[in-house]
């Protein structure tokens, strides 16, 4: 049987098992491989970036309509993104050979370790990318002070 190659260039675990059906380690890896769990994981991938004036949270959530997204920020500094990716069914008699597309509910909570102005938070959703902009509070903006660095003066080694 030919080795099947995934989009990432790695061998498909199913093809490895098929080529060595009596190898117990191959069977174990096939059933408990973490890469297989990621394929059906509907949790969005997140990026949190701190700027001078705001914190931006970017989430990849393809295939979901903006009406199916729910965002909440708690006063103790947690952003929760939840939603549902609905299965689009068509009246077709063909059965799927296989599917890597995941459907269902998801929920992701991210701690935000800054003092932010939650009332001024805004979100945009475009082409499967959710961007949440949360401005920093006045207290957070004033937390940092620039410290200048000076060259150390040489010590006088001729002391008696």
N, C-alpha and C. Protein backbone atom coordinates (compact mmCIF):
# COMPACT_ATOMS: atom_id res chain seq x y z
N UNK A 1 0.84 -1.19 0.00
CA UNK A 1 0.00 0.00 0.00
C UNK A 1 0.89 1.24 0.00
N UNK A 2 0.57 2.23 -0.81
CA UNK A 2 1.37 3.45 -0.88
C UNK A 2 1.23 4.23 0.41
N UNK A 3 2.32 4.90 0.81
CA UNK A 3 2.25 5.79 1.97
C UNK A 3 1.49 7.04 1.56
N UNK A 4 0.50 7.39 2.35
CA UNK A 4 -0.26 8.60 2.09
C UNK A 4 0.45 9.74 2.79
N UNK A 5 0.56 10.89 2.14
CA UNK A 5 1.25 12.04 2.70
C UNK A 5 0.20 13.11 2.99
N UNK A 6 0.27 13.67 4.22
CA UNK A 6 -0.66 14.72 4.59
C UNK A 6 -0.17 16.05 4.04
N UNK A 7 -0.97 17.10 4.22
CA UNK A 7 -0.61 18.42 3.74
C UNK A 7 0.66 18.93 4.40
N UNK A 8 0.93 18.48 5.61
CA UNK A 8 2.14 18.93 6.31
C UNK A 8 3.38 18.17 5.87
N UNK A 9 3.22 17.17 5.01
CA UNK A 9 4.35 16.41 4.53
C UNK A 9 4.67 15.20 5.37
N UNK A 10 3.90 14.97 6.44
CA UNK A 10 4.13 13.80 7.29
C UNK A 10 3.35 12.61 6.76
N UNK A 11 3.81 11.44 7.08
CA UNK A 11 3.09 10.24 6.67
C UNK A 11 1.80 10.14 7.46
N UNK A 12 0.76 9.73 6.79
CA UNK A 12 -0.53 9.52 7.44
C UNK A 12 -0.41 8.29 8.34
N UNK A 13 -0.76 8.41 9.65
CA UNK A 13 -0.63 7.27 10.55
C UNK A 13 -1.42 6.04 10.09
N UNK A 14 -2.54 6.26 9.41
CA UNK A 14 -3.34 5.12 8.95
C UNK A 14 -2.58 4.29 7.93
N UNK A 15 -1.81 4.95 7.06
CA UNK A 15 -1.06 4.21 6.06
C UNK A 15 0.10 3.46 6.69
N UNK A 16 0.68 4.02 7.74
CA UNK A 16 1.77 3.34 8.43
C UNK A 16 1.24 2.07 9.09
N UNK A 17 0.07 2.16 9.72
CA UNK A 17 -0.53 0.99 10.35
C UNK A 17 -0.88 -0.06 9.31
N UNK A 18 -1.42 0.38 8.16
CA UNK A 18 -1.81 -0.58 7.13
C UNK A 18 -0.60 -1.31 6.56
N UNK A 19 0.54 -0.62 6.51
CA UNK A 19 1.72 -1.27 5.95
C UNK A 19 2.41 -2.20 6.95
N UNK A 20 2.14 -2.03 8.24
CA UNK A 20 2.72 -2.88 9.28
C UNK A 20 1.64 -3.29 10.27
N UNK A 21 0.68 -4.10 9.86
CA UNK A 21 -0.47 -4.39 10.72
C UNK A 21 -0.12 -5.16 11.99
N UNK A 22 1.04 -5.79 12.07
CA UNK A 22 1.36 -6.59 13.25
C UNK A 22 2.25 -5.85 14.23
N UNK A 23 2.53 -4.60 13.97
CA UNK A 23 3.40 -3.81 14.84
C UNK A 23 2.53 -3.13 15.91
N UNK A 24 2.64 -3.57 17.16
CA UNK A 24 1.81 -3.05 18.26
C UNK A 24 2.06 -1.56 18.47
N UNK A 25 3.31 -1.14 18.34
CA UNK A 25 3.63 0.28 18.54
C UNK A 25 2.92 1.14 17.50
N UNK A 26 2.84 0.67 16.26
CA UNK A 26 2.15 1.41 15.21
C UNK A 26 0.67 1.54 15.53
N UNK A 27 0.07 0.47 16.01
CA UNK A 27 -1.34 0.54 16.38
C UNK A 27 -1.55 1.52 17.53
N UNK A 28 -0.68 1.46 18.53
CA UNK A 28 -0.78 2.36 19.69
C UNK A 28 -0.69 3.82 19.21
N UNK A 29 0.30 4.12 18.36
CA UNK A 29 0.48 5.48 17.87
C UNK A 29 -0.70 5.93 17.01
N UNK A 30 -1.27 5.02 16.25
CA UNK A 30 -2.41 5.37 15.41
C UNK A 30 -3.61 5.80 16.25
N UNK A 31 -3.89 5.06 17.32
CA UNK A 31 -5.06 5.36 18.14
C UNK A 31 -4.84 6.50 19.13
N UNK A 32 -3.61 6.73 19.55
CA UNK A 32 -3.36 7.73 20.58
C UNK A 32 -2.45 8.86 20.12
N UNK A 33 -2.28 9.02 18.83
CA UNK A 33 -1.43 10.08 18.29
C UNK A 33 -2.10 11.42 18.50
N UNK A 34 -1.37 12.38 19.06
CA UNK A 34 -1.95 13.70 19.34
C UNK A 34 -2.29 14.46 18.07
N UNK A 35 -1.60 14.18 16.95
CA UNK A 35 -1.90 14.91 15.72
C UNK A 35 -3.29 14.58 15.20
N UNK A 36 -3.79 13.40 15.46
CA UNK A 36 -5.15 13.05 15.07
C UNK A 36 -6.19 13.81 15.86
N UNK A 37 -5.89 14.10 17.12
CA UNK A 37 -6.82 14.85 17.96
C UNK A 37 -6.95 16.29 17.47
N UNK A 38 -5.85 16.85 16.97
CA UNK A 38 -5.88 18.23 16.50
C UNK A 38 -6.76 18.39 15.28
N UNK A 39 -6.89 17.36 14.49
CA UNK A 39 -7.64 17.45 13.25
C UNK A 39 -9.13 17.72 13.52
N UNK A 40 -9.67 17.17 14.58
CA UNK A 40 -11.08 17.34 14.86
C UNK A 40 -11.32 18.29 16.03
N UNK A 41 -10.33 19.10 16.39
CA UNK A 41 -10.43 20.02 17.50
C UNK A 41 -11.02 21.33 17.00
N UNK A 42 -12.26 21.67 17.40
CA UNK A 42 -12.87 22.89 16.90
C UNK A 42 -12.41 24.15 17.62
N UNK A 43 -11.53 24.03 18.64
CA UNK A 43 -11.05 25.20 19.37
C UNK A 43 -10.28 26.12 18.44
N UNK A 44 -10.56 27.44 18.49
CA UNK A 44 -9.82 28.35 17.61
C UNK A 44 -8.37 28.53 18.07
N UNK A 45 -7.50 28.77 17.12
CA UNK A 45 -6.11 29.11 17.42
C UNK A 45 -6.06 30.60 17.73
N UNK A 46 -5.31 30.96 18.76
CA UNK A 46 -5.34 32.32 19.30
C UNK A 46 -3.96 32.98 19.23
N UNK A 47 -3.97 34.29 19.02
CA UNK A 47 -2.77 35.10 19.11
C UNK A 47 -3.14 36.34 19.93
N UNK A 48 -2.36 36.63 20.99
CA UNK A 48 -2.59 37.81 21.83
C UNK A 48 -1.37 38.70 21.69
N UNK A 49 -1.62 39.97 21.30
CA UNK A 49 -0.54 40.92 21.06
C UNK A 49 -0.79 42.17 21.90
N UNK A 50 0.24 42.57 22.66
CA UNK A 50 0.14 43.79 23.46
C UNK A 50 0.76 44.94 22.69
N UNK A 51 -0.02 45.99 22.49
CA UNK A 51 0.49 47.21 21.89
C UNK A 51 0.63 48.28 22.95
N UNK A 52 1.01 49.48 22.55
CA UNK A 52 1.17 50.56 23.52
C UNK A 52 -0.15 51.02 24.11
N UNK A 53 -1.20 51.01 23.28
CA UNK A 53 -2.49 51.53 23.73
C UNK A 53 -3.56 50.47 23.95
N UNK A 54 -3.35 49.26 23.42
CA UNK A 54 -4.40 48.25 23.48
C UNK A 54 -3.81 46.84 23.42
N UNK A 55 -4.66 45.89 23.74
CA UNK A 55 -4.34 44.48 23.59
C UNK A 55 -5.25 43.94 22.49
N UNK A 56 -4.66 43.24 21.51
CA UNK A 56 -5.44 42.65 20.43
C UNK A 56 -5.41 41.14 20.55
N UNK A 57 -6.58 40.54 20.48
CA UNK A 57 -6.71 39.09 20.47
C UNK A 57 -7.22 38.71 19.09
N UNK A 58 -6.48 37.84 18.41
CA UNK A 58 -6.86 37.39 17.07
C UNK A 58 -7.12 35.89 17.16
N UNK A 59 -8.26 35.46 16.63
CA UNK A 59 -8.63 34.05 16.65
C UNK A 59 -9.00 33.60 15.25
N UNK A 60 -8.47 32.44 14.86
CA UNK A 60 -8.85 31.84 13.57
C UNK A 60 -10.07 30.98 13.80
N UNK A 61 -11.19 31.37 13.19
CA UNK A 61 -12.43 30.62 13.35
C UNK A 61 -13.11 30.50 11.98
N UNK A 62 -12.54 29.72 11.08
CA UNK A 62 -13.12 29.62 9.74
C UNK A 62 -14.42 28.84 9.72
N UNK A 63 -15.27 29.21 8.79
CA UNK A 63 -16.51 28.45 8.58
C UNK A 63 -17.62 28.76 9.54
N UNK A 64 -17.50 29.83 10.32
CA UNK A 64 -18.53 30.19 11.29
C UNK A 64 -19.06 31.57 10.94
N UNK A 65 -20.37 31.71 11.04
CA UNK A 65 -20.99 33.01 10.78
C UNK A 65 -20.87 33.87 12.03
N UNK A 66 -20.76 35.19 11.82
CA UNK A 66 -20.58 36.09 12.97
C UNK A 66 -21.75 36.01 13.95
N UNK A 67 -22.93 35.65 13.48
CA UNK A 67 -24.08 35.49 14.37
C UNK A 67 -23.97 34.27 15.29
N UNK A 68 -23.09 33.33 14.95
CA UNK A 68 -22.89 32.13 15.77
C UNK A 68 -21.73 32.28 16.75
N UNK A 69 -21.16 33.49 16.84
CA UNK A 69 -20.07 33.76 17.78
C UNK A 69 -20.60 34.49 19.01
N UNK A 70 -20.01 34.20 20.17
CA UNK A 70 -20.38 34.86 21.42
C UNK A 70 -19.09 35.24 22.15
N UNK A 71 -18.95 36.53 22.47
CA UNK A 71 -17.77 37.03 23.17
C UNK A 71 -18.19 37.61 24.51
N UNK A 72 -17.41 37.28 25.55
CA UNK A 72 -17.66 37.84 26.89
C UNK A 72 -16.33 38.17 27.54
N UNK A 73 -16.27 39.31 28.22
CA UNK A 73 -15.10 39.68 29.01
C UNK A 73 -15.56 39.84 30.44
N UNK A 74 -14.92 39.11 31.34
CA UNK A 74 -15.27 39.23 32.76
C UNK A 74 -14.43 40.35 33.39
N UNK A 75 -14.91 40.91 34.48
CA UNK A 75 -14.21 42.00 35.15
C UNK A 75 -12.88 41.54 35.76
N UNK A 76 -12.72 40.22 35.98
CA UNK A 76 -11.47 39.72 36.54
C UNK A 76 -10.44 39.38 35.45
N UNK A 77 -10.72 39.77 34.19
CA UNK A 77 -9.71 39.69 33.14
C UNK A 77 -9.69 38.44 32.30
N UNK A 78 -10.84 37.86 32.01
CA UNK A 78 -10.89 36.67 31.14
C UNK A 78 -11.77 36.96 29.94
N UNK A 79 -11.23 36.67 28.76
CA UNK A 79 -12.00 36.79 27.51
C UNK A 79 -12.44 35.39 27.12
N UNK A 80 -13.74 35.21 26.91
CA UNK A 80 -14.27 33.92 26.49
C UNK A 80 -14.86 34.06 25.09
N UNK A 81 -14.37 33.22 24.19
CA UNK A 81 -14.88 33.16 22.82
C UNK A 81 -15.58 31.82 22.68
N UNK A 82 -16.84 31.84 22.32
CA UNK A 82 -17.56 30.59 22.13
C UNK A 82 -18.44 30.71 20.89
N UNK A 83 -18.89 29.56 20.41
CA UNK A 83 -19.73 29.56 19.23
C UNK A 83 -20.01 28.15 18.78
N UNK A 84 -20.60 28.07 17.60
CA UNK A 84 -20.94 26.77 17.05
C UNK A 84 -20.73 26.77 15.55
N UNK A 85 -20.03 25.75 15.10
CA UNK A 85 -19.86 25.55 13.67
C UNK A 85 -20.90 24.52 13.26
N UNK A 86 -21.86 24.97 12.49
CA UNK A 86 -22.99 24.12 12.12
C UNK A 86 -22.66 23.27 10.90
N UNK A 87 -23.16 22.05 10.91
CA UNK A 87 -22.96 21.12 9.80
C UNK A 87 -23.95 21.48 8.70
N UNK A 88 -23.43 21.81 7.54
CA UNK A 88 -24.28 22.14 6.41
C UNK A 88 -24.62 20.85 5.66
N UNK A 89 -25.86 20.47 5.68
CA UNK A 89 -26.25 19.23 5.00
C UNK A 89 -26.95 19.58 3.69
N UNK A 90 -26.67 18.77 2.71
CA UNK A 90 -27.32 18.92 1.42
C UNK A 90 -28.11 17.66 1.14
N UNK A 91 -29.10 17.77 0.31
CA UNK A 91 -29.90 16.61 -0.06
C UNK A 91 -29.20 15.84 -1.16
N UNK A 92 -28.16 15.15 -0.78
CA UNK A 92 -27.40 14.35 -1.73
C UNK A 92 -27.37 12.92 -1.22
N UNK A 93 -27.34 12.00 -2.12
CA UNK A 93 -27.34 10.60 -1.72
C UNK A 93 -25.94 10.04 -1.57
N UNK A 94 -24.92 10.81 -1.96
CA UNK A 94 -23.54 10.33 -1.85
C UNK A 94 -23.08 10.36 -0.40
N UNK A 95 -22.34 9.33 0.01
CA UNK A 95 -21.76 9.29 1.34
C UNK A 95 -20.34 9.82 1.28
N UNK A 96 -19.89 10.41 2.39
CA UNK A 96 -18.51 10.89 2.46
C UNK A 96 -17.56 9.70 2.53
N UNK A 97 -16.46 9.81 1.83
CA UNK A 97 -15.41 8.81 1.93
C UNK A 97 -14.66 9.04 3.25
N UNK A 98 -14.32 10.29 3.51
CA UNK A 98 -13.77 10.69 4.80
C UNK A 98 -13.96 12.19 4.94
N UNK A 99 -13.89 12.69 6.18
CA UNK A 99 -14.06 14.11 6.42
C UNK A 99 -13.10 14.54 7.52
N UNK A 100 -12.38 15.62 7.29
CA UNK A 100 -11.51 16.21 8.30
C UNK A 100 -12.10 17.49 8.85
N UNK A 101 -13.29 17.83 8.42
CA UNK A 101 -13.95 19.05 8.86
C UNK A 101 -14.67 18.77 10.18
N UNK A 102 -14.42 19.63 11.18
CA UNK A 102 -15.07 19.44 12.47
C UNK A 102 -16.25 20.38 12.61
N UNK A 103 -17.26 19.92 13.31
CA UNK A 103 -18.46 20.68 13.56
C UNK A 103 -18.78 20.60 15.05
N UNK A 104 -19.54 21.55 15.52
CA UNK A 104 -19.98 21.49 16.91
C UNK A 104 -19.66 22.77 17.66
N UNK A 105 -19.91 22.68 18.97
CA UNK A 105 -19.71 23.82 19.87
C UNK A 105 -18.23 23.93 20.24
N UNK A 106 -17.79 25.14 20.49
CA UNK A 106 -16.44 25.36 21.01
C UNK A 106 -16.50 26.49 22.02
N UNK A 107 -15.51 26.50 22.90
CA UNK A 107 -15.40 27.56 23.90
C UNK A 107 -13.93 27.68 24.28
N UNK A 108 -13.42 28.89 24.26
CA UNK A 108 -12.01 29.13 24.59
C UNK A 108 -11.95 30.34 25.51
N UNK A 109 -11.31 30.20 26.67
CA UNK A 109 -11.17 31.29 27.62
C UNK A 109 -9.70 31.65 27.72
N UNK A 110 -9.41 32.96 27.61
CA UNK A 110 -8.04 33.45 27.61
C UNK A 110 -7.87 34.43 28.76
N UNK A 111 -6.88 34.21 29.63
CA UNK A 111 -6.61 35.20 30.68
C UNK A 111 -5.91 36.42 30.08
N UNK A 112 -6.32 37.60 30.52
CA UNK A 112 -5.72 38.85 30.05
C UNK A 112 -5.05 39.52 31.24
N UNK A 113 -3.72 39.42 31.36
CA UNK A 113 -3.01 39.92 32.54
C UNK A 113 -2.71 41.42 32.52
N UNK A 114 -3.62 42.21 32.02
CA UNK A 114 -3.45 43.66 31.98
C UNK A 114 -4.68 44.31 32.55
N UNK A 115 -4.54 45.57 32.94
CA UNK A 115 -5.67 46.38 33.38
C UNK A 115 -6.24 47.04 32.13
N UNK A 116 -7.40 46.56 31.68
CA UNK A 116 -7.96 46.98 30.40
C UNK A 116 -9.29 47.69 30.58
N UNK A 117 -9.65 48.49 29.58
CA UNK A 117 -10.93 49.19 29.56
C UNK A 117 -11.95 48.30 28.84
N UNK A 118 -12.60 47.42 29.59
CA UNK A 118 -13.50 46.43 29.01
C UNK A 118 -14.71 47.06 28.33
N UNK A 119 -15.13 48.22 28.82
CA UNK A 119 -16.30 48.89 28.24
C UNK A 119 -16.03 49.37 26.80
N UNK A 120 -14.78 49.62 26.47
CA UNK A 120 -14.43 50.13 25.15
C UNK A 120 -13.98 49.03 24.18
N UNK A 121 -14.13 47.77 24.57
CA UNK A 121 -13.71 46.66 23.71
C UNK A 121 -14.56 46.60 22.45
N UNK A 122 -13.93 46.22 21.34
CA UNK A 122 -14.63 46.09 20.06
C UNK A 122 -14.11 44.85 19.34
N UNK A 123 -14.96 44.27 18.50
CA UNK A 123 -14.57 43.06 17.76
C UNK A 123 -14.99 43.17 16.31
N UNK A 124 -14.13 42.62 15.43
CA UNK A 124 -14.41 42.52 13.99
C UNK A 124 -14.21 41.08 13.58
N UNK A 125 -15.01 40.64 12.60
CA UNK A 125 -14.89 39.28 12.08
C UNK A 125 -14.91 39.35 10.57
N UNK A 126 -13.81 38.87 9.94
CA UNK A 126 -13.71 38.94 8.49
C UNK A 126 -12.93 37.74 7.98
N UNK A 127 -13.48 37.03 7.01
CA UNK A 127 -12.83 35.89 6.37
C UNK A 127 -12.32 34.86 7.38
N UNK A 128 -13.13 34.57 8.39
CA UNK A 128 -12.76 33.54 9.36
C UNK A 128 -11.79 33.97 10.43
N UNK A 129 -11.47 35.27 10.49
CA UNK A 129 -10.54 35.77 11.50
C UNK A 129 -11.27 36.78 12.39
N UNK A 130 -11.30 36.47 13.68
CA UNK A 130 -11.92 37.34 14.68
C UNK A 130 -10.82 38.17 15.32
N UNK A 131 -11.01 39.50 15.37
CA UNK A 131 -10.06 40.40 16.01
C UNK A 131 -10.78 41.17 17.10
N UNK A 132 -10.30 41.04 18.34
CA UNK A 132 -10.87 41.75 19.47
C UNK A 132 -9.84 42.77 19.92
N UNK A 133 -10.24 44.04 19.97
CA UNK A 133 -9.36 45.13 20.40
C UNK A 133 -9.87 45.62 21.75
N UNK A 134 -8.99 45.56 22.76
CA UNK A 134 -9.36 46.00 24.11
C UNK A 134 -8.35 47.06 24.53
N UNK A 135 -8.78 48.32 24.62
CA UNK A 135 -7.85 49.38 25.00
C UNK A 135 -7.35 49.21 26.44
N UNK A 136 -6.12 49.66 26.67
CA UNK A 136 -5.58 49.64 28.02
C UNK A 136 -6.21 50.78 28.83
N UNK A 137 -6.34 50.56 30.12
CA UNK A 137 -6.85 51.61 30.99
C UNK A 137 -5.76 52.65 31.21
N UNK A 138 -6.13 53.80 31.75
CA UNK A 138 -5.15 54.85 32.02
C UNK A 138 -4.10 54.36 33.00
N UNK A 139 -4.51 53.58 34.00
CA UNK A 139 -3.57 53.06 34.99
C UNK A 139 -2.56 52.12 34.34
N UNK A 140 -2.99 51.29 33.40
CA UNK A 140 -2.09 50.36 32.72
C UNK A 140 -1.09 51.12 31.84
N UNK A 141 -1.55 52.16 31.19
CA UNK A 141 -0.66 52.93 30.32
C UNK A 141 0.45 53.62 31.11
N UNK A 142 0.18 53.94 32.38
CA UNK A 142 1.15 54.66 33.22
C UNK A 142 2.03 53.72 34.04
N UNK A 143 1.88 52.43 33.90
CA UNK A 143 2.64 51.48 34.71
C UNK A 143 4.12 51.42 34.35
N UNK A 144 4.47 51.79 33.15
CA UNK A 144 5.84 51.63 32.69
C UNK A 144 6.54 52.99 32.63
N UNK A 145 7.79 53.00 33.03
CA UNK A 145 8.60 54.20 32.99
C UNK A 145 9.89 53.86 32.25
N UNK A 146 10.29 54.70 31.35
CA UNK A 146 11.53 54.52 30.60
C UNK A 146 12.70 54.83 31.52
N UNK A 147 13.66 53.93 31.55
CA UNK A 147 14.85 54.10 32.37
C UNK A 147 16.03 54.29 31.43
N UNK A 148 16.77 55.38 31.62
CA UNK A 148 17.92 55.62 30.75
C UNK A 148 19.12 54.83 31.27
N UNK A 149 19.95 54.39 30.36
CA UNK A 149 21.14 53.61 30.69
C UNK A 149 22.36 54.49 30.42
N UNK A 150 23.22 54.59 31.45
CA UNK A 150 24.44 55.40 31.33
C UNK A 150 25.65 54.50 31.43
N UNK A 151 26.71 54.94 30.85
CA UNK A 151 27.96 54.20 30.93
C UNK A 151 28.54 54.38 32.33
N UNK A 152 29.00 53.27 32.89
CA UNK A 152 29.57 53.29 34.23
C UNK A 152 30.92 54.01 34.19
N UNK A 153 31.15 54.86 35.19
CA UNK A 153 32.41 55.60 35.28
C UNK A 153 33.48 54.64 35.76
N UNK A 154 34.66 54.74 35.18
CA UNK A 154 35.75 53.85 35.62
C UNK A 154 36.19 54.20 37.03
N UNK A 155 36.48 53.16 37.80
CA UNK A 155 36.94 53.35 39.17
C UNK A 155 38.41 53.74 39.16
N UNK A 156 38.83 54.52 40.14
CA UNK A 156 40.22 54.93 40.27
C UNK A 156 40.98 53.80 40.97
N UNK A 157 41.90 53.14 40.30
CA UNK A 157 42.62 51.99 40.84
C UNK A 157 43.89 52.41 41.57
N UNK A 158 44.21 53.65 41.61
CA UNK A 158 45.43 54.11 42.24
C UNK A 158 45.24 54.50 43.69
N UNK A 159 44.18 54.08 44.31
CA UNK A 159 43.93 54.40 45.71
C UNK A 159 44.89 53.64 46.59
N UNK A 160 45.38 54.28 47.66
CA UNK A 160 46.34 53.63 48.54
C UNK A 160 45.71 53.00 49.72
